[in-house]
Protein backbone atom coordinates (compact mmCIF):
# COMPACT_ATOMS: atom_id res chain seq x y z
CA MET A 1 -8.86 117.56 82.93
CA MET A 2 -9.58 116.43 79.51
CA SER A 3 -6.00 117.41 78.34
CA MET A 4 -4.51 115.47 81.26
CA TRP A 5 -6.75 112.42 80.54
CA GLY A 6 -5.64 112.65 76.90
CA ALA A 7 -2.02 112.66 77.95
CA VAL A 8 -2.46 109.51 80.14
CA ARG A 9 -4.14 107.70 77.32
CA CYS A 10 -1.41 108.65 74.86
CA ARG A 11 1.12 107.17 77.31
CA LEU A 12 -0.82 104.01 77.69
CA ILE A 13 -0.99 103.72 73.88
CA GLN A 14 2.71 104.30 73.56
CA THR A 15 3.45 101.71 76.12
CA ARG A 16 1.31 99.00 74.41
CA SER A 17 3.13 99.80 71.06
CA ALA A 18 6.69 99.72 72.68
CA VAL A 19 6.04 96.39 74.43
CA ARG A 20 4.15 94.92 71.54
CA LYS A 21 7.21 93.33 70.00
CA ILE A 22 8.06 91.33 73.00
CA LEU A 23 4.44 90.13 73.38
CA GLN A 24 4.25 89.24 69.79
CA GLN A 25 7.35 87.10 70.20
CA ASN A 26 5.74 85.57 73.28
CA ARG A 27 2.47 84.43 71.47
CA ALA A 28 3.77 83.96 67.92
CA PHE A 29 3.99 80.18 68.33
CA CYS A 30 0.84 79.58 70.26
CA SER A 31 -1.11 78.61 67.04
CA GLY A 32 -0.64 77.24 63.59
CA SER A 33 2.62 75.13 63.54
CA SER A 34 2.10 74.02 67.08
CA VAL A 35 -1.22 72.18 66.33
CA GLY A 36 0.41 68.87 65.22
CA ILE A 37 2.91 68.65 68.11
CA ARG A 38 0.14 69.47 70.70
CA GLU A 39 -1.81 66.46 69.52
CA LYS A 40 1.23 64.35 69.94
CA LEU A 41 2.11 65.63 73.39
CA LEU A 42 -1.42 64.94 74.61
CA ALA A 43 -0.71 61.23 73.93
CA PHE A 44 1.73 61.21 76.86
CA PRO A 45 -0.04 61.81 80.14
CA GLY A 46 1.31 61.77 83.68
CA GLY A 47 2.23 64.31 86.25
CA SER A 48 1.09 67.84 86.52
CA VAL A 49 2.13 71.38 86.67
CA GLU A 50 0.32 73.21 89.56
CA LEU A 51 -0.02 76.88 90.16
CA GLN A 52 -0.87 78.52 93.45
CA LYS A 53 -1.33 82.23 93.65
CA LEU A 54 -0.71 83.85 96.94
CA GLN A 55 -2.80 86.99 96.75
CA GLU A 56 -1.61 88.59 99.93
CA SER A 57 2.10 88.43 99.13
CA GLY A 58 1.83 88.60 95.30
CA ILE A 59 3.85 85.51 94.97
CA ALA A 60 2.91 82.50 92.76
CA VAL A 61 4.32 79.14 93.31
CA LEU A 62 4.54 76.92 90.06
CA THR A 63 5.19 73.25 91.03
CA VAL A 64 6.45 70.65 88.52
CA SER A 65 5.05 67.48 89.78
CA ASN A 66 5.79 63.98 88.53
CA PRO A 67 7.76 62.40 91.50
CA ALA A 68 7.77 58.85 90.10
CA ARG A 69 9.94 60.12 87.21
CA MET A 70 11.89 62.80 89.22
CA ASN A 71 9.57 65.45 88.01
CA ALA A 72 10.29 64.82 84.18
CA PHE A 73 7.91 66.58 81.87
CA SER A 74 5.39 64.39 80.18
CA GLY A 75 3.82 65.62 76.97
CA CYS A 76 0.77 66.73 78.86
CA MET A 77 2.93 68.56 81.52
CA MET A 78 4.53 70.46 78.63
CA LEU A 79 1.06 71.70 77.58
CA GLU A 80 0.16 72.45 81.19
CA LEU A 81 3.23 74.56 81.67
CA GLU A 82 2.19 76.71 78.64
CA GLN A 83 -1.15 77.14 80.23
CA ARG A 84 0.13 78.19 83.52
CA VAL A 85 2.42 80.81 81.90
CA ASN A 86 -0.72 82.03 80.15
CA GLU A 87 -2.36 82.51 83.58
CA LEU A 88 0.63 84.29 85.02
CA GLU A 89 0.92 86.64 82.09
CA ILE A 90 -2.52 88.10 82.87
CA TRP A 91 -2.20 88.13 86.71
CA THR A 92 -2.22 91.88 87.30
CA GLU A 93 -1.84 91.55 91.14
CA GLY A 94 1.22 89.43 90.90
CA LYS A 95 4.90 90.36 91.78
CA ALA A 96 6.81 87.14 91.58
CA VAL A 97 6.70 83.36 90.82
CA ILE A 98 8.73 80.76 92.36
CA VAL A 99 9.30 77.70 90.27
CA GLN A 100 9.94 74.40 92.22
CA GLY A 101 9.73 70.70 91.84
CA ALA A 102 7.72 68.25 94.04
CA ALA A 103 8.98 65.80 96.58
CA GLY A 104 12.46 67.30 97.08
CA ASN A 105 13.66 67.23 93.46
CA PHE A 106 13.51 69.96 90.91
CA CYS A 107 13.25 68.42 87.50
CA SER A 108 15.11 65.77 85.37
CA GLY A 109 14.06 67.17 81.99
CA SER A 110 11.68 65.40 79.58
CA ASP A 111 10.04 61.96 80.09
CA LEU A 112 11.94 59.47 78.07
CA ASN A 113 8.82 57.65 76.97
CA ALA A 114 7.73 60.86 75.15
CA VAL A 115 11.31 61.43 73.92
CA ARG A 116 11.54 57.91 72.23
CA ALA A 117 8.05 58.28 70.66
CA ILE A 118 8.88 61.53 68.90
CA ALA A 119 12.47 60.84 68.12
CA ASN A 120 12.23 61.65 64.47
CA PRO A 121 13.86 65.01 63.56
CA HIS A 122 10.58 66.73 62.54
CA ASP A 123 8.67 66.15 65.75
CA GLY A 124 11.87 66.67 67.86
CA MET A 125 12.17 70.15 66.20
CA LYS A 126 8.54 70.93 66.81
CA MET A 127 8.71 69.88 70.53
CA CYS A 128 11.87 71.85 70.86
CA GLU A 129 10.21 74.96 69.34
CA PHE A 130 7.21 74.53 71.57
CA MET A 131 9.29 74.45 74.85
CA GLN A 132 11.62 77.15 73.73
CA ASN A 133 8.72 79.59 73.19
CA THR A 134 7.04 78.65 76.58
CA LEU A 135 10.29 79.03 78.55
CA ALA A 136 10.95 82.42 76.79
CA ARG A 137 7.53 83.51 77.80
CA LEU A 138 8.34 82.36 81.34
CA LEU A 139 11.48 84.52 81.45
CA ARG A 140 9.60 87.52 79.93
CA LEU A 141 6.78 87.54 82.44
CA PRO A 142 6.19 90.83 84.12
CA LEU A 143 7.02 89.10 87.44
CA ILE A 144 10.26 88.32 89.12
CA SER A 145 10.95 84.69 88.79
CA VAL A 146 12.95 82.46 91.04
CA ALA A 147 14.05 78.74 90.33
CA LEU A 148 14.03 77.03 93.68
CA VAL A 149 16.37 74.03 93.22
CA GLU A 150 16.04 71.11 95.57
CA GLY A 151 17.64 67.75 94.73
CA ARG A 152 18.52 67.46 91.18
CA ALA A 153 17.98 69.72 88.15
CA LEU A 154 19.08 67.59 85.20
CA GLY A 155 19.00 68.19 81.39
CA GLY A 156 15.81 69.97 80.56
CA GLY A 157 15.43 70.70 84.26
CA ALA A 158 18.65 72.62 84.23
CA GLU A 159 17.40 74.54 81.26
CA LEU A 160 14.31 75.43 83.18
CA THR A 161 16.48 77.06 85.79
CA THR A 162 17.95 79.45 83.26
CA ALA A 163 14.43 80.63 82.31
CA CYS A 164 14.13 82.39 85.66
CA ASP A 165 15.62 85.54 86.74
CA PHE A 166 17.25 84.02 89.91
CA ARG A 167 18.35 80.66 91.07
CA LEU A 168 18.40 79.49 94.70
CA MET A 169 19.75 76.06 95.75
CA THR A 170 19.50 74.09 98.86
CA SER A 171 22.77 72.93 100.39
CA ASP A 172 22.71 69.50 98.82
CA ALA A 173 21.17 70.40 95.38
CA VAL A 174 22.88 69.76 91.98
CA ILE A 175 22.33 71.27 88.63
CA GLN A 176 23.76 69.34 85.68
CA PHE A 177 23.40 69.80 81.97
CA VAL A 178 23.65 66.19 81.03
CA HIS A 179 22.66 66.56 77.31
CA LYS A 180 26.11 65.27 76.08
CA HIS A 181 25.56 62.05 77.71
CA MET A 182 22.24 61.61 75.68
CA GLY A 183 24.09 62.53 72.51
CA LEU A 184 22.27 65.88 72.37
CA VAL A 185 22.61 69.55 73.13
CA PRO A 186 20.19 71.74 74.90
CA GLY A 187 17.04 72.31 72.72
CA TRP A 188 14.80 74.26 75.11
CA GLY A 189 16.85 77.51 74.89
CA GLY A 190 19.01 76.64 77.81
CA ALA A 191 22.31 77.04 76.14
CA ALA A 192 21.66 80.61 74.82
CA ARG A 193 20.29 81.70 78.20
CA LEU A 194 23.18 79.95 80.00
CA VAL A 195 25.73 82.06 78.01
CA GLY A 196 23.83 85.13 78.95
CA ILE A 197 23.93 84.30 82.62
CA ILE A 198 27.63 83.02 83.00
CA GLY A 199 29.40 83.82 79.80
CA SER A 200 30.44 81.60 76.91
CA ARG A 201 33.62 80.19 78.54
CA ASN A 202 31.84 79.03 81.78
CA ALA A 203 28.82 77.83 79.59
CA LEU A 204 31.20 75.74 77.34
CA LYS A 205 32.71 74.11 80.47
CA LEU A 206 29.29 73.10 81.89
CA LEU A 207 27.92 71.80 78.43
CA SER A 208 31.04 70.13 77.23
CA GLY A 209 31.95 68.60 80.60
CA ALA A 210 28.46 67.85 81.73
CA ARG A 211 29.81 68.95 85.09
CA LYS A 212 27.75 68.73 88.10
CA VAL A 213 27.28 72.11 89.64
CA ASP A 214 27.02 72.09 93.45
CA PRO A 215 25.88 75.20 95.21
CA ASP A 216 29.37 76.61 96.02
CA TYR A 217 30.57 76.08 92.36
CA GLY A 218 27.23 77.60 91.08
CA LYS A 219 27.63 80.72 93.19
CA GLN A 220 31.30 81.07 92.32
CA MET A 221 30.54 81.24 88.64
CA GLY A 222 27.38 83.40 88.83
CA LEU A 223 24.84 80.67 88.06
CA VAL A 224 23.46 80.60 91.62
CA ASP A 225 22.40 83.66 93.53
CA GLU A 226 21.91 82.21 97.01
CA VAL A 227 22.64 78.90 98.77
CA LEU A 228 19.74 78.25 101.28
CA GLN A 229 20.52 76.92 104.69
CA CYS A 230 18.45 73.78 104.49
CA SER A 231 18.46 70.45 102.66
CA SER A 232 16.27 68.99 99.97
CA GLY A 233 12.96 67.58 101.08
CA GLU A 234 12.96 69.08 104.47
CA GLY A 235 9.89 71.18 103.62
CA LYS A 236 11.67 74.49 104.54
CA ALA A 237 12.87 75.60 101.26
CA LEU A 238 9.93 77.40 99.90
CA ALA A 239 9.73 79.45 103.11
CA HIS A 240 13.43 80.38 102.71
CA ALA A 241 12.74 81.40 99.07
CA GLU A 242 9.85 83.51 100.04
CA HIS A 243 11.94 85.28 102.55
CA TRP A 244 14.78 85.75 100.19
CA ILE A 245 12.61 87.39 97.49
CA ALA A 246 10.64 89.53 99.88
CA PRO A 247 12.94 92.70 99.60
CA PHE A 248 12.81 92.56 95.85
CA ILE A 249 9.00 92.72 95.71
CA LYS A 250 8.22 95.23 98.42
CA GLY A 251 5.94 97.75 97.01
CA PRO A 252 2.91 98.04 94.67
CA ALA A 253 2.51 95.29 91.93
CA PRO A 254 2.35 97.82 89.05
CA VAL A 255 5.75 99.38 90.05
CA ILE A 256 7.39 95.70 90.38
CA GLN A 257 5.95 94.74 87.06
CA ALA A 258 7.13 97.95 85.49
CA ILE A 259 10.65 97.33 86.73
CA LYS A 260 10.59 93.80 85.25
CA LYS A 261 9.23 95.15 81.87
CA VAL A 262 12.08 97.73 81.46
CA VAL A 263 14.65 95.13 82.37
CA VAL A 264 13.20 92.60 79.70
CA SER A 265 13.21 95.36 77.04
CA GLY A 266 16.70 96.36 77.97
CA ARG A 267 17.85 92.67 77.54
CA GLU A 268 16.04 91.82 74.36
CA LEU A 269 15.43 94.98 72.34
CA SER A 270 17.78 97.25 70.47
CA LEU A 271 19.00 100.18 72.52
CA ASP A 272 16.71 102.63 70.72
CA GLU A 273 13.60 100.43 71.06
CA ALA A 274 14.57 99.61 74.76
CA LEU A 275 14.80 103.44 75.33
CA LYS A 276 11.44 103.95 73.91
CA CYS A 277 9.92 101.28 76.02
CA GLU A 278 11.42 102.60 79.19
CA ARG A 279 10.03 106.02 78.61
CA SER A 280 6.63 104.51 77.86
CA VAL A 281 6.68 102.24 80.89
CA PHE A 282 7.83 105.35 83.07
CA GLY A 283 4.77 107.27 81.69
CA THR A 284 2.39 104.52 83.16
CA VAL A 285 3.82 104.94 86.75
CA TRP A 286 4.49 108.67 86.66
CA GLY A 287 1.67 110.40 88.55
CA GLY A 288 0.35 107.06 89.72
CA PRO A 289 -0.77 106.28 93.21
CA ALA A 290 2.65 104.89 94.29
CA ASN A 291 4.50 107.86 92.81
CA LEU A 292 2.27 110.49 94.39
CA GLU A 293 2.37 108.77 97.78
CA ALA A 294 6.16 108.67 97.70
CA LEU A 295 6.36 112.31 96.69
CA ALA A 296 4.09 113.30 99.38
CA SER A 297 5.95 111.55 102.09
CA LYS A 298 9.38 113.06 101.12
CA PRO A 299 10.42 116.30 102.77
CA LYS A 300 11.28 119.29 100.65
CA HIS A 301 14.87 119.84 99.72
CA LYS A 302 16.69 122.27 102.23
C-alpha cells in the first residue's frame, strides 16, 4: 500500500511540475508592473462582469454587462474579468464556461472614455498587457470555454471570442474586427489567436478589410462552430448553448479538466514538454474512480 501511495504522490508531483510553465505564464503579470495600470483602470467605473456557477451541470456562465455601452469594458470591468478568471481557475467541480454579453449583445470592446484617458503609449501598452494576460488565462482554463455571440462582437469584443475554445452565434449576430477604423490593430492577443483559429490568410482578410462576419461566413472559414436557431435577445440562446456543449462535458469533472489540460499543453508547449505533461496528467486519472468504473463496466475481450 505504501509503495502504491508513493507512486501516486510521484505522479501528482510530476503533473504539477509539467504544468507549472503554463501556470507561471498565467500568473506572471498579476503583480509588479500591473500595479500602476490597475489604479488607473479603477478610475473608470461602470458595468460589471458577473459569474454564475451551475454546480449540477458543472457549467459556469460569465456575463459581460454594460448594456448602455453595448457591453464595452470599463476599467473596473477589466479588473473584474481578471477576478472572475481567478475564481474559475480554482473551481475544481467545473467542466465548462459560457461567455456571453447582457441584453442581446456580446461586447463592443473597451469603453472609449477609458481609452481616451489612457491614450498615451505607456499606459496603452500596460492596459494591452493586462488584457492579454487575462484573456490568455481565460483560454488556458481547465474548463471547456464557449463564446455565445448574440448581437454584435466588435473590436475587443471580437478578440474576446477568440479567447474561448468554441464560438456559437445566433442567426443574426455579427463579429467584426473594427480596429482598422480606429487606427489600431488588435492589442488583447486577438490577432495571434485568430491566426491560430482560421489561418493567416483568412485572418489578414478580416483584419485588413474589417469585414463583418455573419454566421454563415464565420462557419465557412472555421471561426464559428455552430449557428444557433434563435435570434439575439430572445432569451433562448443560453439554453441552446448549454444543450450544444452537453455532449462535450459528459463525465466526471477531473476527466474533462484533464482533457483540456493536455490540449492546452499540446498547443502551447514544445513537443517534448507537451508529451511529458500528457504522461503526467494521464497518471492523475489512471486508476482513478472514473477509470476504474469504466474498466469494471466493460466486458472482457473474447
